[in-house]
Amino acid sequence: GVEVAQVDSLNLLQLAPGGHMGRFIIWTKSAFEALNGIYGSESRLSTEKTGYTLPRNIMTNSDITRVINSDEVQSKVKPADTKIIRKKLKKNPLKNLGVKVRLNPYAVSIRRSEKLAQDRRAAGKISAVAKARAAANKKHKSQGANYARLIDEGRDWDEDEDSEDEGDEGDEGEDETE
């Protein structure tokens, strides 16, 4: 597309949309001559705009790296701080015993008493399990001995259980009549 604009009403958005210089502009000779009257120059004020002068470059040398690295500027600048300061890593006192002891010196004795109590509970549990196993083994051995005795007598294990159940039923019947 082609756009036409008057020199009297130039718009920056038309000349450089989005701030990007790169639009192809064709000027007429009369338009170019009218620019000096409208905007003036670096040495002359504008004739159409009252009190308007073109903005001037503040820096005469645009090579900013050369200016910064010059001896005149570097002599006035504070020297760079080359010392590296590292932050200490915060450690969790709930997971790190050393940090916990620094916060609470009594934590060592608490931990020691908890460890001893845990060892006592473990020893008590081991002895209770051993007792329970011994009692179960004793019952199991006695049942094994009874089974061996029944086999020697020629009776079956199931018959012995049936006769015990019948005896119990008979006792229950007598209790009901009384």
N, C-alpha and C. Protein backbone atom coordinates (compact mmCIF):
# COMPACT_ATOMS: atom_id res chain seq x y z
N GLY A 1 0.79 -1.16 0.00
CA GLY A 1 0.00 0.00 0.00
C GLY A 1 0.85 1.25 0.00
N VAL A 2 0.29 2.29 -0.54
CA VAL A 2 0.94 3.59 -0.63
C VAL A 2 0.14 4.56 0.23
N GLU A 3 0.86 5.32 1.06
CA GLU A 3 0.22 6.35 1.88
C GLU A 3 0.80 7.70 1.52
N VAL A 4 -0.06 8.71 1.54
CA VAL A 4 0.36 10.07 1.24
C VAL A 4 0.17 10.89 2.51
N ALA A 5 1.19 11.71 2.87
CA ALA A 5 1.09 12.52 4.08
C ALA A 5 1.56 13.94 3.77
N GLN A 6 0.94 14.92 4.40
CA GLN A 6 1.34 16.32 4.26
C GLN A 6 2.54 16.58 5.17
N VAL A 7 3.44 17.43 4.73
CA VAL A 7 4.63 17.78 5.52
C VAL A 7 4.21 18.54 6.77
N ASP A 8 3.14 19.30 6.70
CA ASP A 8 2.69 20.09 7.85
C ASP A 8 2.19 19.21 8.99
N SER A 9 1.73 18.00 8.70
CA SER A 9 1.17 17.13 9.74
C SER A 9 1.81 15.74 9.67
N LEU A 10 3.13 15.69 9.81
CA LEU A 10 3.81 14.40 9.82
C LEU A 10 3.58 13.69 11.15
N ASN A 11 3.51 12.41 11.06
CA ASN A 11 3.25 11.60 12.26
C ASN A 11 4.35 10.55 12.36
N LEU A 12 4.94 10.41 13.55
CA LEU A 12 6.01 9.44 13.73
C LEU A 12 5.52 8.02 13.51
N LEU A 13 4.27 7.73 13.87
CA LEU A 13 3.73 6.39 13.67
C LEU A 13 3.57 6.06 12.19
N GLN A 14 3.41 7.10 11.36
CA GLN A 14 3.35 6.86 9.93
C GLN A 14 4.74 6.67 9.34
N LEU A 15 5.70 7.47 9.82
CA LEU A 15 7.07 7.38 9.29
C LEU A 15 7.80 6.13 9.78
N ALA A 16 7.60 5.76 11.03
CA ALA A 16 8.29 4.59 11.61
C ALA A 16 7.31 3.83 12.49
N PRO A 17 6.46 3.01 11.89
CA PRO A 17 5.46 2.28 12.69
C PRO A 17 6.11 1.29 13.66
N GLY A 18 5.67 1.35 14.91
CA GLY A 18 6.23 0.45 15.91
C GLY A 18 7.63 0.86 16.34
N GLY A 19 8.08 2.04 15.97
CA GLY A 19 9.41 2.50 16.33
C GLY A 19 10.51 1.92 15.47
N HIS A 20 10.14 1.22 14.39
CA HIS A 20 11.13 0.60 13.51
C HIS A 20 11.35 1.49 12.29
N MET A 21 12.56 1.95 12.16
CA MET A 21 12.89 2.72 10.97
C MET A 21 13.08 1.73 9.82
N GLY A 22 12.45 1.98 8.75
CA GLY A 22 12.58 1.04 7.65
C GLY A 22 11.51 1.21 6.61
N ARG A 23 10.72 2.24 6.76
CA ARG A 23 9.69 2.50 5.76
C ARG A 23 10.32 3.29 4.62
N PHE A 24 10.01 2.91 3.43
CA PHE A 24 10.54 3.60 2.24
C PHE A 24 9.72 4.87 2.01
N ILE A 25 10.40 6.04 2.08
CA ILE A 25 9.72 7.33 1.98
C ILE A 25 10.26 8.08 0.76
N ILE A 26 9.36 8.62 -0.02
CA ILE A 26 9.74 9.44 -1.18
C ILE A 26 9.30 10.87 -0.87
N TRP A 27 10.26 11.80 -0.92
CA TRP A 27 9.99 13.21 -0.63
C TRP A 27 9.99 14.02 -1.93
N THR A 28 9.13 15.00 -1.98
CA THR A 28 9.20 15.95 -3.10
C THR A 28 10.17 17.06 -2.73
N LYS A 29 10.65 17.79 -3.72
CA LYS A 29 11.63 18.84 -3.47
C LYS A 29 11.03 19.95 -2.61
N SER A 30 9.79 20.32 -2.89
CA SER A 30 9.14 21.39 -2.12
C SER A 30 8.89 20.95 -0.68
N ALA A 31 8.58 19.67 -0.47
CA ALA A 31 8.36 19.15 0.89
C ALA A 31 9.66 19.18 1.68
N PHE A 32 10.76 18.83 1.05
CA PHE A 32 12.05 18.82 1.72
C PHE A 32 12.46 20.24 2.11
N GLU A 33 12.17 21.23 1.24
CA GLU A 33 12.51 22.62 1.55
C GLU A 33 11.61 23.16 2.65
N ALA A 34 10.37 22.68 2.73
CA ALA A 34 9.43 23.15 3.75
C ALA A 34 9.82 22.63 5.14
N LEU A 35 10.56 21.55 5.22
CA LEU A 35 10.98 20.99 6.52
C LEU A 35 11.80 22.00 7.33
N ASN A 36 12.70 22.75 6.69
CA ASN A 36 13.50 23.75 7.40
C ASN A 36 12.63 24.84 8.01
N GLY A 37 11.58 25.23 7.32
CA GLY A 37 10.69 26.27 7.85
C GLY A 37 9.85 25.75 9.01
N ILE A 38 9.43 24.48 8.93
CA ILE A 38 8.56 23.92 9.97
C ILE A 38 9.35 23.58 11.24
N TYR A 39 10.44 22.88 11.09
CA TYR A 39 11.19 22.38 12.25
C TYR A 39 12.46 23.16 12.54
N GLY A 40 12.92 23.98 11.66
CA GLY A 40 14.14 24.74 11.87
C GLY A 40 15.35 23.85 11.69
N SER A 41 16.48 24.31 12.22
CA SER A 41 17.70 23.50 12.17
C SER A 41 18.38 23.60 13.52
N GLU A 42 19.60 23.06 13.62
CA GLU A 42 20.31 23.09 14.90
C GLU A 42 20.68 24.52 15.28
N SER A 43 20.87 25.38 14.29
CA SER A 43 21.30 26.75 14.56
C SER A 43 20.16 27.77 14.44
N ARG A 44 19.03 27.38 13.84
CA ARG A 44 17.96 28.33 13.57
C ARG A 44 16.64 27.82 14.16
N LEU A 45 15.83 28.70 14.74
CA LEU A 45 14.53 28.34 15.29
C LEU A 45 13.52 28.10 14.17
N SER A 46 12.45 27.42 14.52
CA SER A 46 11.37 27.16 13.57
C SER A 46 10.60 28.45 13.32
N THR A 47 10.16 28.66 12.05
CA THR A 47 9.38 29.85 11.73
C THR A 47 7.89 29.61 11.95
N GLU A 48 7.45 28.36 11.86
CA GLU A 48 6.02 28.05 12.00
C GLU A 48 5.66 27.62 13.41
N LYS A 49 6.55 26.98 14.15
CA LYS A 49 6.29 26.55 15.53
C LYS A 49 7.03 27.51 16.46
N THR A 50 6.32 28.12 17.37
CA THR A 50 6.95 29.11 18.25
C THR A 50 7.79 28.43 19.32
N GLY A 51 9.03 28.84 19.45
CA GLY A 51 9.94 28.35 20.49
C GLY A 51 10.42 26.92 20.29
N TYR A 52 10.27 26.37 19.11
CA TYR A 52 10.68 24.97 18.88
C TYR A 52 12.07 24.92 18.26
N THR A 53 12.93 24.11 18.84
CA THR A 53 14.24 23.83 18.25
C THR A 53 14.40 22.33 18.15
N LEU A 54 15.16 21.91 17.20
CA LEU A 54 15.40 20.47 17.04
C LEU A 54 16.20 19.94 18.23
N PRO A 55 15.93 18.75 18.68
CA PRO A 55 16.72 18.19 19.77
C PRO A 55 18.16 18.01 19.32
N ARG A 56 19.10 18.29 20.22
CA ARG A 56 20.52 18.18 19.89
C ARG A 56 21.09 16.94 20.55
N ASN A 57 22.15 16.44 19.98
CA ASN A 57 22.86 15.33 20.60
C ASN A 57 23.58 15.82 21.84
N ILE A 58 23.40 15.15 22.95
CA ILE A 58 24.07 15.54 24.17
C ILE A 58 25.52 15.08 24.12
N MET A 59 25.73 13.90 23.56
CA MET A 59 27.09 13.35 23.47
C MET A 59 27.64 13.60 22.08
N THR A 60 28.86 14.04 22.04
CA THR A 60 29.50 14.22 20.74
C THR A 60 30.14 12.93 20.26
N ASN A 61 30.49 12.05 21.21
CA ASN A 61 31.09 10.77 20.86
C ASN A 61 30.11 9.67 21.29
N SER A 62 29.57 8.96 20.32
CA SER A 62 28.56 7.94 20.64
C SER A 62 29.18 6.57 20.96
N ASP A 63 30.49 6.47 20.92
CA ASP A 63 31.15 5.21 21.26
C ASP A 63 31.24 5.14 22.79
N ILE A 64 30.17 4.66 23.41
CA ILE A 64 30.05 4.71 24.87
C ILE A 64 31.06 3.80 25.58
N THR A 65 31.40 2.66 24.99
CA THR A 65 32.37 1.78 25.62
C THR A 65 33.74 2.44 25.68
N ARG A 66 34.11 3.18 24.63
CA ARG A 66 35.39 3.88 24.64
C ARG A 66 35.40 4.99 25.68
N VAL A 67 34.25 5.65 25.86
CA VAL A 67 34.15 6.72 26.85
C VAL A 67 34.27 6.14 28.26
N ILE A 68 33.57 5.05 28.52
CA ILE A 68 33.59 4.44 29.86
C ILE A 68 34.98 3.92 30.20
N ASN A 69 35.63 3.31 29.24
CA ASN A 69 36.96 2.73 29.49
C ASN A 69 38.09 3.74 29.40
N SER A 70 37.78 4.99 29.16
CA SER A 70 38.85 5.99 29.06
C SER A 70 39.47 6.22 30.44
N ASP A 71 40.71 6.71 30.44
CA ASP A 71 41.44 6.95 31.69
C ASP A 71 40.78 8.03 32.53
N GLU A 72 40.19 9.04 31.93
CA GLU A 72 39.56 10.12 32.67
C GLU A 72 38.37 9.61 33.49
N VAL A 73 37.55 8.76 32.88
CA VAL A 73 36.37 8.24 33.58
C VAL A 73 36.79 7.19 34.62
N GLN A 74 37.71 6.32 34.25
CA GLN A 74 38.11 5.24 35.16
C GLN A 74 38.85 5.77 36.39
N SER A 75 39.48 6.94 36.29
CA SER A 75 40.17 7.50 37.47
C SER A 75 39.18 7.99 38.51
N LYS A 76 37.97 8.35 38.10
CA LYS A 76 36.95 8.85 39.03
C LYS A 76 35.98 7.78 39.52
N VAL A 77 35.97 6.63 38.86
CA VAL A 77 35.01 5.57 39.20
C VAL A 77 35.54 4.75 40.37
N LYS A 78 34.63 4.33 41.25
CA LYS A 78 35.00 3.46 42.37
C LYS A 78 35.44 2.11 41.83
N PRO A 79 36.52 1.53 42.37
CA PRO A 79 36.99 0.24 41.84
C PRO A 79 35.96 -0.86 42.05
N ALA A 80 35.96 -1.83 41.14
CA ALA A 80 35.01 -2.94 41.20
C ALA A 80 35.30 -3.80 42.41
N ASP A 81 34.25 -4.28 43.08
CA ASP A 81 34.39 -5.15 44.25
C ASP A 81 34.57 -6.58 43.76
N THR A 82 35.76 -7.12 43.96
CA THR A 82 36.05 -8.47 43.47
C THR A 82 35.85 -9.53 44.53
N LYS A 83 35.60 -9.10 45.77
CA LYS A 83 35.41 -10.06 46.85
C LYS A 83 34.05 -10.73 46.70
N ILE A 84 34.04 -12.04 46.77
CA ILE A 84 32.80 -12.80 46.62
C ILE A 84 32.28 -13.15 48.01
N ILE A 85 31.06 -12.75 48.29
CA ILE A 85 30.44 -13.06 49.57
C ILE A 85 29.40 -14.15 49.33
N ARG A 86 29.61 -15.28 49.97
CA ARG A 86 28.68 -16.40 49.82
C ARG A 86 27.80 -16.49 51.06
N LYS A 87 26.56 -16.77 50.85
CA LYS A 87 25.64 -16.94 51.98
C LYS A 87 25.82 -18.32 52.57
N LYS A 88 25.62 -18.42 53.89
CA LYS A 88 25.67 -19.72 54.53
C LYS A 88 24.39 -20.47 54.22
N LEU A 89 24.52 -21.77 54.02
CA LEU A 89 23.36 -22.60 53.77
C LEU A 89 22.65 -22.89 55.08
N LYS A 90 21.39 -22.57 55.18
CA LYS A 90 20.63 -22.80 56.40
C LYS A 90 20.31 -24.29 56.49
N LYS A 91 20.65 -24.86 57.63
CA LYS A 91 20.40 -26.29 57.82
C LYS A 91 19.18 -26.47 58.71
N ASN A 92 18.46 -27.54 58.47
CA ASN A 92 17.22 -27.82 59.18
C ASN A 92 17.55 -28.48 60.52
N PRO A 93 17.20 -27.86 61.66
CA PRO A 93 17.50 -28.46 62.95
C PRO A 93 16.69 -29.72 63.24
N LEU A 94 15.61 -29.93 62.52
CA LEU A 94 14.83 -31.16 62.74
C LEU A 94 15.52 -32.37 62.11
N LYS A 95 16.37 -32.12 61.11
CA LYS A 95 17.05 -33.22 60.44
C LYS A 95 18.54 -33.28 60.80
N ASN A 96 19.13 -32.17 61.24
CA ASN A 96 20.56 -32.11 61.50
C ASN A 96 20.77 -31.96 63.01
N LEU A 97 21.33 -33.00 63.63
CA LEU A 97 21.48 -33.00 65.09
C LEU A 97 22.44 -31.92 65.55
N GLY A 98 23.53 -31.67 64.82
CA GLY A 98 24.49 -30.65 65.22
C GLY A 98 23.86 -29.27 65.33
N VAL A 99 23.02 -28.91 64.36
CA VAL A 99 22.34 -27.62 64.38
C VAL A 99 21.32 -27.59 65.51
N LYS A 100 20.66 -28.73 65.74
CA LYS A 100 19.68 -28.81 66.82
C LYS A 100 20.35 -28.62 68.17
N VAL A 101 21.54 -29.18 68.35
CA VAL A 101 22.27 -29.05 69.61
C VAL A 101 22.70 -27.60 69.82
N ARG A 102 23.07 -26.89 68.74
CA ARG A 102 23.42 -25.49 68.88
C ARG A 102 22.23 -24.66 69.34
N LEU A 103 21.04 -25.02 68.87
CA LEU A 103 19.84 -24.30 69.29
C LEU A 103 19.38 -24.73 70.69
N ASN A 104 19.50 -26.03 70.98
CA ASN A 104 19.03 -26.58 72.25
C ASN A 104 20.04 -27.61 72.75
N PRO A 105 20.94 -27.21 73.66
CA PRO A 105 21.96 -28.14 74.15
C PRO A 105 21.37 -29.37 74.86
N TYR A 106 20.16 -29.26 75.38
CA TYR A 106 19.52 -30.37 76.08
C TYR A 106 19.05 -31.46 75.10
N ALA A 107 19.09 -31.18 73.81
CA ALA A 107 18.62 -32.13 72.80
C ALA A 107 19.43 -33.42 72.81
N VAL A 108 20.72 -33.35 73.18
CA VAL A 108 21.57 -34.55 73.21
C VAL A 108 21.05 -35.52 74.28
N SER A 109 20.77 -35.00 75.49
CA SER A 109 20.30 -35.89 76.56
C SER A 109 18.90 -36.42 76.26
N ILE A 110 18.07 -35.60 75.62
CA ILE A 110 16.73 -36.08 75.22
C ILE A 110 16.87 -37.22 74.22
N ARG A 111 17.74 -37.04 73.26
CA ARG A 111 17.92 -38.08 72.23
C ARG A 111 18.48 -39.35 72.85
N ARG A 112 19.42 -39.19 73.79
CA ARG A 112 20.01 -40.36 74.44
C ARG A 112 18.95 -41.12 75.23
N SER A 113 18.09 -40.40 75.98
CA SER A 113 17.05 -41.07 76.77
C SER A 113 16.03 -41.74 75.84
N GLU A 114 15.71 -41.10 74.71
CA GLU A 114 14.78 -41.73 73.75
C GLU A 114 15.39 -43.01 73.18
N LYS A 115 16.68 -42.98 72.88
CA LYS A 115 17.35 -44.16 72.34
C LYS A 115 17.35 -45.30 73.36
N LEU A 116 17.65 -44.99 74.64
CA LEU A 116 17.64 -46.03 75.69
C LEU A 116 16.23 -46.60 75.88
N ALA A 117 15.22 -45.73 75.87
CA ALA A 117 13.84 -46.20 76.01
C ALA A 117 13.46 -47.08 74.83
N GLN A 118 13.90 -46.73 73.66
CA GLN A 118 13.62 -47.54 72.48
C GLN A 118 14.29 -48.91 72.59
N ASP A 119 15.53 -48.92 73.06
CA ASP A 119 16.23 -50.20 73.25
C ASP A 119 15.52 -51.06 74.29
N ARG A 120 15.03 -50.44 75.39
CA ARG A 120 14.30 -51.20 76.42
C ARG A 120 13.00 -51.77 75.85
N ARG A 121 12.29 -50.97 75.06
CA ARG A 121 11.05 -51.47 74.44
C ARG A 121 11.34 -52.63 73.50
N ALA A 122 12.41 -52.52 72.73
CA ALA A 122 12.77 -53.59 71.79
C ALA A 122 13.13 -54.87 72.55
N ALA A 123 13.90 -54.71 73.65
CA ALA A 123 14.27 -55.89 74.45
C ALA A 123 13.04 -56.51 75.08
N GLY A 124 12.12 -55.69 75.58
CA GLY A 124 10.88 -56.21 76.17
C GLY A 124 10.03 -56.93 75.14
N LYS A 125 9.98 -56.38 73.94
CA LYS A 125 9.20 -57.01 72.87
C LYS A 125 9.81 -58.34 72.48
N ILE A 126 11.14 -58.38 72.41
CA ILE A 126 11.82 -59.65 72.06
C ILE A 126 11.53 -60.71 73.11
N SER A 127 11.60 -60.32 74.39
CA SER A 127 11.33 -61.31 75.46
C SER A 127 9.86 -61.73 75.45
N ALA A 128 8.93 -60.82 75.18
CA ALA A 128 7.51 -61.18 75.13
C ALA A 128 7.24 -62.12 73.96
N VAL A 129 7.87 -61.87 72.83
CA VAL A 129 7.70 -62.75 71.67
C VAL A 129 8.28 -64.13 71.97
N ALA A 130 9.43 -64.14 72.64
CA ALA A 130 10.05 -65.43 72.99
C ALA A 130 9.15 -66.22 73.93
N LYS A 131 8.54 -65.54 74.93
CA LYS A 131 7.61 -66.22 75.85
C LYS A 131 6.41 -66.78 75.11
N ALA A 132 5.85 -65.96 74.22
CA ALA A 132 4.67 -66.40 73.47
C ALA A 132 5.02 -67.59 72.58
N ARG A 133 6.20 -67.56 71.97
CA ARG A 133 6.60 -68.70 71.13
C ARG A 133 6.83 -69.95 71.97
N ALA A 134 7.42 -69.79 73.15
CA ALA A 134 7.65 -70.93 74.03
C ALA A 134 6.33 -71.56 74.44
N ALA A 135 5.34 -70.73 74.79
CA ALA A 135 4.02 -71.24 75.18
C ALA A 135 3.35 -71.95 74.00
N ALA A 136 3.47 -71.38 72.82
CA ALA A 136 2.86 -72.00 71.64
C ALA A 136 3.56 -73.32 71.33
N ASN A 137 4.91 -73.35 71.47
CA ASN A 137 5.64 -74.60 71.22
C ASN A 137 5.25 -75.67 72.23
N LYS A 138 5.06 -75.28 73.49
CA LYS A 138 4.69 -76.23 74.54
C LYS A 138 3.32 -76.85 74.22
N LYS A 139 2.36 -75.99 73.82
CA LYS A 139 1.03 -76.48 73.48
C LYS A 139 1.11 -77.38 72.25
N HIS A 140 1.92 -76.96 71.29
CA HIS A 140 2.06 -77.74 70.06
C HIS A 140 2.71 -79.09 70.35
N LYS A 141 3.72 -79.09 71.22
CA LYS A 141 4.39 -80.36 71.57
C LYS A 141 3.44 -81.29 72.30
N SER A 142 2.60 -80.70 73.20
CA SER A 142 1.67 -81.56 73.94
C SER A 142 0.64 -82.15 73.00
N GLN A 143 0.20 -81.36 72.01
CA GLN A 143 -0.74 -81.89 71.03
C GLN A 143 -0.07 -82.97 70.19
N GLY A 144 1.20 -82.76 69.88
CA GLY A 144 1.94 -83.77 69.12
C GLY A 144 2.07 -85.05 69.92
N ALA A 145 2.32 -84.92 71.23
CA ALA A 145 2.45 -86.12 72.08
C ALA A 145 1.11 -86.84 72.17
N ASN A 146 0.03 -86.07 72.29
CA ASN A 146 -1.31 -86.68 72.35
C ASN A 146 -1.61 -87.42 71.06
N TYR A 147 -1.25 -86.82 69.95
CA TYR A 147 -1.50 -87.43 68.65
C TYR A 147 -0.71 -88.74 68.54
N ALA A 148 0.55 -88.70 68.96
CA ALA A 148 1.37 -89.92 68.91
C ALA A 148 0.76 -91.00 69.79
N ARG A 149 0.25 -90.62 70.98
CA ARG A 149 -0.36 -91.59 71.90
C ARG A 149 -1.62 -92.18 71.26
N LEU A 150 -2.44 -91.36 70.63
CA LEU A 150 -3.66 -91.86 69.99
C LEU A 150 -3.35 -92.82 68.86
N ILE A 151 -2.33 -92.54 68.09
CA ILE A 151 -1.94 -93.41 66.99
C ILE A 151 -1.49 -94.76 67.54
N ASP A 152 -0.73 -94.71 68.64
CA ASP A 152 -0.25 -95.96 69.25
C ASP A 152 -1.43 -96.80 69.74
N GLU A 153 -2.47 -96.13 70.27
CA GLU A 153 -3.65 -96.85 70.76
C GLU A 153 -4.54 -97.32 69.61
N GLY A 154 -4.30 -96.82 68.43
CA GLY A 154 -5.08 -97.24 67.28
C GLY A 154 -6.33 -96.41 67.07
N ARG A 155 -6.45 -95.30 67.76
CA ARG A 155 -7.61 -94.43 67.58
C ARG A 155 -7.26 -93.31 66.61
N ASP A 156 -8.30 -92.69 66.07
CA ASP A 156 -8.10 -91.57 65.15
C ASP A 156 -8.25 -90.26 65.92
N TRP A 157 -7.54 -89.24 65.50
CA TRP A 157 -7.57 -87.94 66.18
C TRP A 157 -8.97 -87.35 66.13
N ASP A 158 -9.70 -87.52 65.04
CA ASP A 158 -11.04 -86.95 64.90
C ASP A 158 -12.01 -87.62 65.86
N GLU A 159 -11.83 -88.93 66.12
CA GLU A 159 -12.73 -89.62 67.05
C GLU A 159 -12.60 -89.05 68.44
N ASP A 160 -11.39 -88.74 68.84
CA ASP A 160 -11.15 -88.21 70.18
C ASP A 160 -11.83 -86.85 70.33
N GLU A 161 -11.78 -86.02 69.29
CA GLU A 161 -12.42 -84.72 69.36
C GLU A 161 -13.93 -84.87 69.42
N ASP A 162 -14.50 -85.85 68.68
CA ASP A 162 -15.95 -86.08 68.67
C ASP A 162 -16.42 -86.52 70.05
N SER A 163 -15.65 -87.39 70.69
CA SER A 163 -16.07 -87.88 72.00
C SER A 163 -16.03 -86.75 73.03
N GLU A 164 -15.09 -85.82 72.90
CA GLU A 164 -15.04 -84.68 73.81
C GLU A 164 -16.23 -83.78 73.58
N ASP A 165 -16.62 -83.60 72.30
CA ASP A 165 -17.77 -82.74 71.99
C ASP A 165 -19.06 -83.35 72.52
N GLU A 166 -19.19 -84.69 72.45
CA GLU A 166 -20.40 -85.36 72.93
C GLU A 166 -20.50 -85.22 74.44
N GLY A 167 -19.39 -85.30 75.12
CA GLY A 167 -19.39 -85.17 76.58
C GLY A 167 -19.82 -83.77 76.97
N ASP A 168 -19.44 -82.81 76.22
CA ASP A 168 -19.82 -81.44 76.54
C ASP A 168 -21.32 -81.24 76.32
N GLU A 169 -21.87 -81.89 75.28
CA GLU A 169 -23.30 -81.73 75.00
C GLU A 169 -24.12 -82.37 76.11
N GLY A 170 -23.65 -83.46 76.62
CA GLY A 170 -24.38 -84.13 77.69
C GLY A 170 -24.43 -83.29 78.94
N ASP A 171 -23.36 -82.60 79.24
CA ASP A 171 -23.33 -81.75 80.42
C ASP A 171 -24.27 -80.57 80.25
N GLU A 172 -24.34 -80.07 79.07
CA GLU A 172 -25.22 -78.93 78.82
C GLU A 172 -26.67 -79.35 79.00
N GLY A 173 -27.01 -80.56 78.57
CA GLY A 173 -28.39 -81.02 78.70
C GLY A 173 -28.81 -81.13 80.15
N GLU A 174 -27.91 -81.59 81.02
CA GLU A 174 -28.23 -81.72 82.43
C GLU A 174 -28.44 -80.36 83.07
N ASP A 175 -27.68 -79.38 82.64
CA ASP A 175 -27.82 -78.04 83.20
C ASP A 175 -29.17 -77.45 82.87
N GLU A 176 -29.72 -77.80 81.71
CA GLU A 176 -30.98 -77.22 81.28
C GLU A 176 -32.14 -77.78 82.13
N THR A 177 -32.05 -79.04 82.55
CA THR A 177 -33.18 -79.63 83.29
C THR A 177 -33.18 -79.14 84.72
N GLU A 178 -32.10 -78.76 85.23
CA GLU A 178 -32.05 -78.32 86.64
C GLU A 178 -32.59 -76.98 86.78
